[in-house]
């Protein structure tokens, strides 16, 4: 299996943290030396390991923001 290469460009914030210290975060990450994308997943405390997650382009992240802004969370 090929080695997965990644570079964390920026961390925007933490959504939650598990009792084991793993943090679900929104980051900008370059995977396998490709253009960086926005990424939501859990990371180990030293950021050497990660869970499965979701990767979004800038356009997809903007669309997600629009969807969230349009939701009524008081239901």
C-alpha atoms as a PDB file:
ATOM      1  CA  UNK A   1       0.000   0.000   0.000  1.00  0.00           C
ATOM      2  CA  UNK A   2       1.379   3.406  -0.962  1.00  0.00           C
ATOM      3  CA  UNK A   3       2.262   5.843   1.781  1.00  0.00           C
ATOM      4  CA  UNK A   4      -0.263   8.621   2.305  1.00  0.00           C
ATOM      5  CA  UNK A   5       1.406  12.025   2.237  1.00  0.00           C
ATOM      6  CA  UNK A   6      -0.260  15.063   3.714  1.00  0.00           C
ATOM      7  CA  UNK A   7       0.606  18.596   4.729  1.00  0.00           C
ATOM      8  CA  UNK A   8      -1.628  20.574   7.064  1.00  0.00           C
ATOM      9  CA  UNK A   9      -1.720  24.095   5.650  1.00  0.00           C
ATOM     10  CA  UNK A  10      -4.048  25.692   8.206  1.00  0.00           C
ATOM     11  CA  UNK A  11      -6.269  24.695  11.117  1.00  0.00           C
ATOM     12  CA  UNK A  12      -9.477  26.748  11.315  1.00  0.00           C
ATOM     13  CA  UNK A  13     -11.069  25.292  14.429  1.00  0.00           C
ATOM     14  CA  UNK A  14     -12.100  22.336  16.543  1.00  0.00           C
ATOM     15  CA  UNK A  15     -15.670  20.992  16.384  1.00  0.00           C
ATOM     16  CA  UNK A  16     -15.300  18.451  19.201  1.00  0.00           C
ATOM     17  CA  UNK A  17     -12.745  16.419  21.126  1.00  0.00           C
ATOM     18  CA  UNK A  18     -12.938  12.796  22.261  1.00  0.00           C
ATOM     19  CA  UNK A  19     -11.966  11.491  25.700  1.00  0.00           C
ATOM     20  CA  UNK A  20      -8.832  10.036  24.052  1.00  0.00           C
ATOM     21  CA  UNK A  21      -7.735  13.488  22.873  1.00  0.00           C
ATOM     22  CA  UNK A  22      -8.616  13.115  19.192  1.00  0.00           C
ATOM     23  CA  UNK A  23     -10.046  16.367  17.811  1.00  0.00           C
ATOM     24  CA  UNK A  24     -12.588  16.719  15.005  1.00  0.00           C
ATOM     25  CA  UNK A  25     -11.309  19.766  13.134  1.00  0.00           C
ATOM     26  CA  UNK A  26     -11.739  21.864  10.030  1.00  0.00           C
ATOM     27  CA  UNK A  27      -8.359  22.161   8.328  1.00  0.00           C
ATOM     28  CA  UNK A  28      -6.896  22.970   4.943  1.00  0.00           C
ATOM     29  CA  UNK A  29      -4.824  19.965   3.880  1.00  0.00           C
ATOM     30  CA  UNK A  30      -2.752  19.035   0.857  1.00  0.00           C
ATOM     31  CA  UNK A  31      -3.060  15.279   0.193  1.00  0.00           C
ATOM     32  CA  UNK A  32      -0.317  13.533  -1.803  1.00  0.00           C
ATOM     33  CA  UNK A  33       1.200  16.858  -2.867  1.00  0.00           C
ATOM     34  CA  UNK A  34      -2.022  17.967  -4.582  1.00  0.00           C
ATOM     35  CA  UNK A  35      -3.793  21.310  -4.276  1.00  0.00           C
ATOM     36  CA  UNK A  36      -4.939  21.877  -0.687  1.00  0.00           C
ATOM     37  CA  UNK A  37      -8.620  21.362   0.118  1.00  0.00           C
ATOM     38  CA  UNK A  38     -10.825  21.920   3.141  1.00  0.00           C
ATOM     39  CA  UNK A  39     -11.062  18.876   5.335  1.00  0.00           C
ATOM     40  CA  UNK A  40     -13.209  17.737   8.282  1.00  0.00           C
ATOM     41  CA  UNK A  41     -12.005  14.679  10.219  1.00  0.00           C
ATOM     42  CA  UNK A  42     -10.628  13.579  13.581  1.00  0.00           C
ATOM     43  CA  UNK A  43      -6.909  13.951  14.219  1.00  0.00           C
ATOM     44  CA  UNK A  44      -4.713  12.399  16.893  1.00  0.00           C
ATOM     45  CA  UNK A  45      -3.183  14.840  19.403  1.00  0.00           C
ATOM     46  CA  UNK A  46       0.156  14.885  17.518  1.00  0.00           C
ATOM     47  CA  UNK A  47      -1.585  15.031  14.086  1.00  0.00           C
ATOM     48  CA  UNK A  48       0.279  11.917  12.900  1.00  0.00           C
ATOM     49  CA  UNK A  49      -2.914   9.834  12.537  1.00  0.00           C
ATOM     50  CA  UNK A  50      -6.369  10.665  11.258  1.00  0.00           C
ATOM     51  CA  UNK A  51      -9.804   9.095  10.857  1.00  0.00           C
ATOM     52  CA  UNK A  52     -11.875   8.914   7.711  1.00  0.00           C
ATOM     53  CA  UNK A  53     -13.359  12.267   6.890  1.00  0.00           C
ATOM     54  CA  UNK A  54     -14.699  14.555   4.209  1.00  0.00           C
ATOM     55  CA  UNK A  55     -12.694  16.761   1.864  1.00  0.00           C
ATOM     56  CA  UNK A  56     -14.288  19.789   0.208  1.00  0.00           C
ATOM     57  CA  UNK A  57     -13.251  22.226  -2.490  1.00  0.00           C
ATOM     58  CA  UNK A  58     -13.639  25.942  -1.798  1.00  0.00           C
ATOM     59  CA  UNK A  59     -16.836  25.965  -3.840  1.00  0.00           C
ATOM     60  CA  UNK A  60     -18.284  23.010  -1.900  1.00  0.00           C
ATOM     61  CA  UNK A  61     -17.386  24.647   1.422  1.00  0.00           C
ATOM     62  CA  UNK A  62     -19.119  27.879   0.353  1.00  0.00           C
ATOM     63  CA  UNK A  63     -22.211  25.873  -0.651  1.00  0.00           C
ATOM     64  CA  UNK A  64     -22.175  24.054   2.707  1.00  0.00           C
ATOM     65  CA  UNK A  65     -21.951  27.428   4.481  1.00  0.00           C
ATOM     66  CA  UNK A  66     -24.957  28.676   2.501  1.00  0.00           C
ATOM     67  CA  UNK A  67     -26.933  25.531   3.401  1.00  0.00           C
ATOM     68  CA  UNK A  68     -26.058  25.855   7.103  1.00  0.00           C
ATOM     69  CA  UNK A  69     -26.921  29.555   7.127  1.00  0.00           C
ATOM     70  CA  UNK A  70     -30.336  28.714   5.677  1.00  0.00           C
ATOM     71  CA  UNK A  71     -31.158  26.054   8.290  1.00  0.00           C
ATOM     72  CA  UNK A  72     -33.419  26.711  11.281  1.00  0.00           C
ATOM     73  CA  UNK A  73     -31.761  25.054  14.275  1.00  0.00           C
ATOM     74  CA  UNK A  74     -34.625  25.999  16.592  1.00  0.00           C
ATOM     75  CA  UNK A  75     -36.951  23.270  15.322  1.00  0.00           C
END
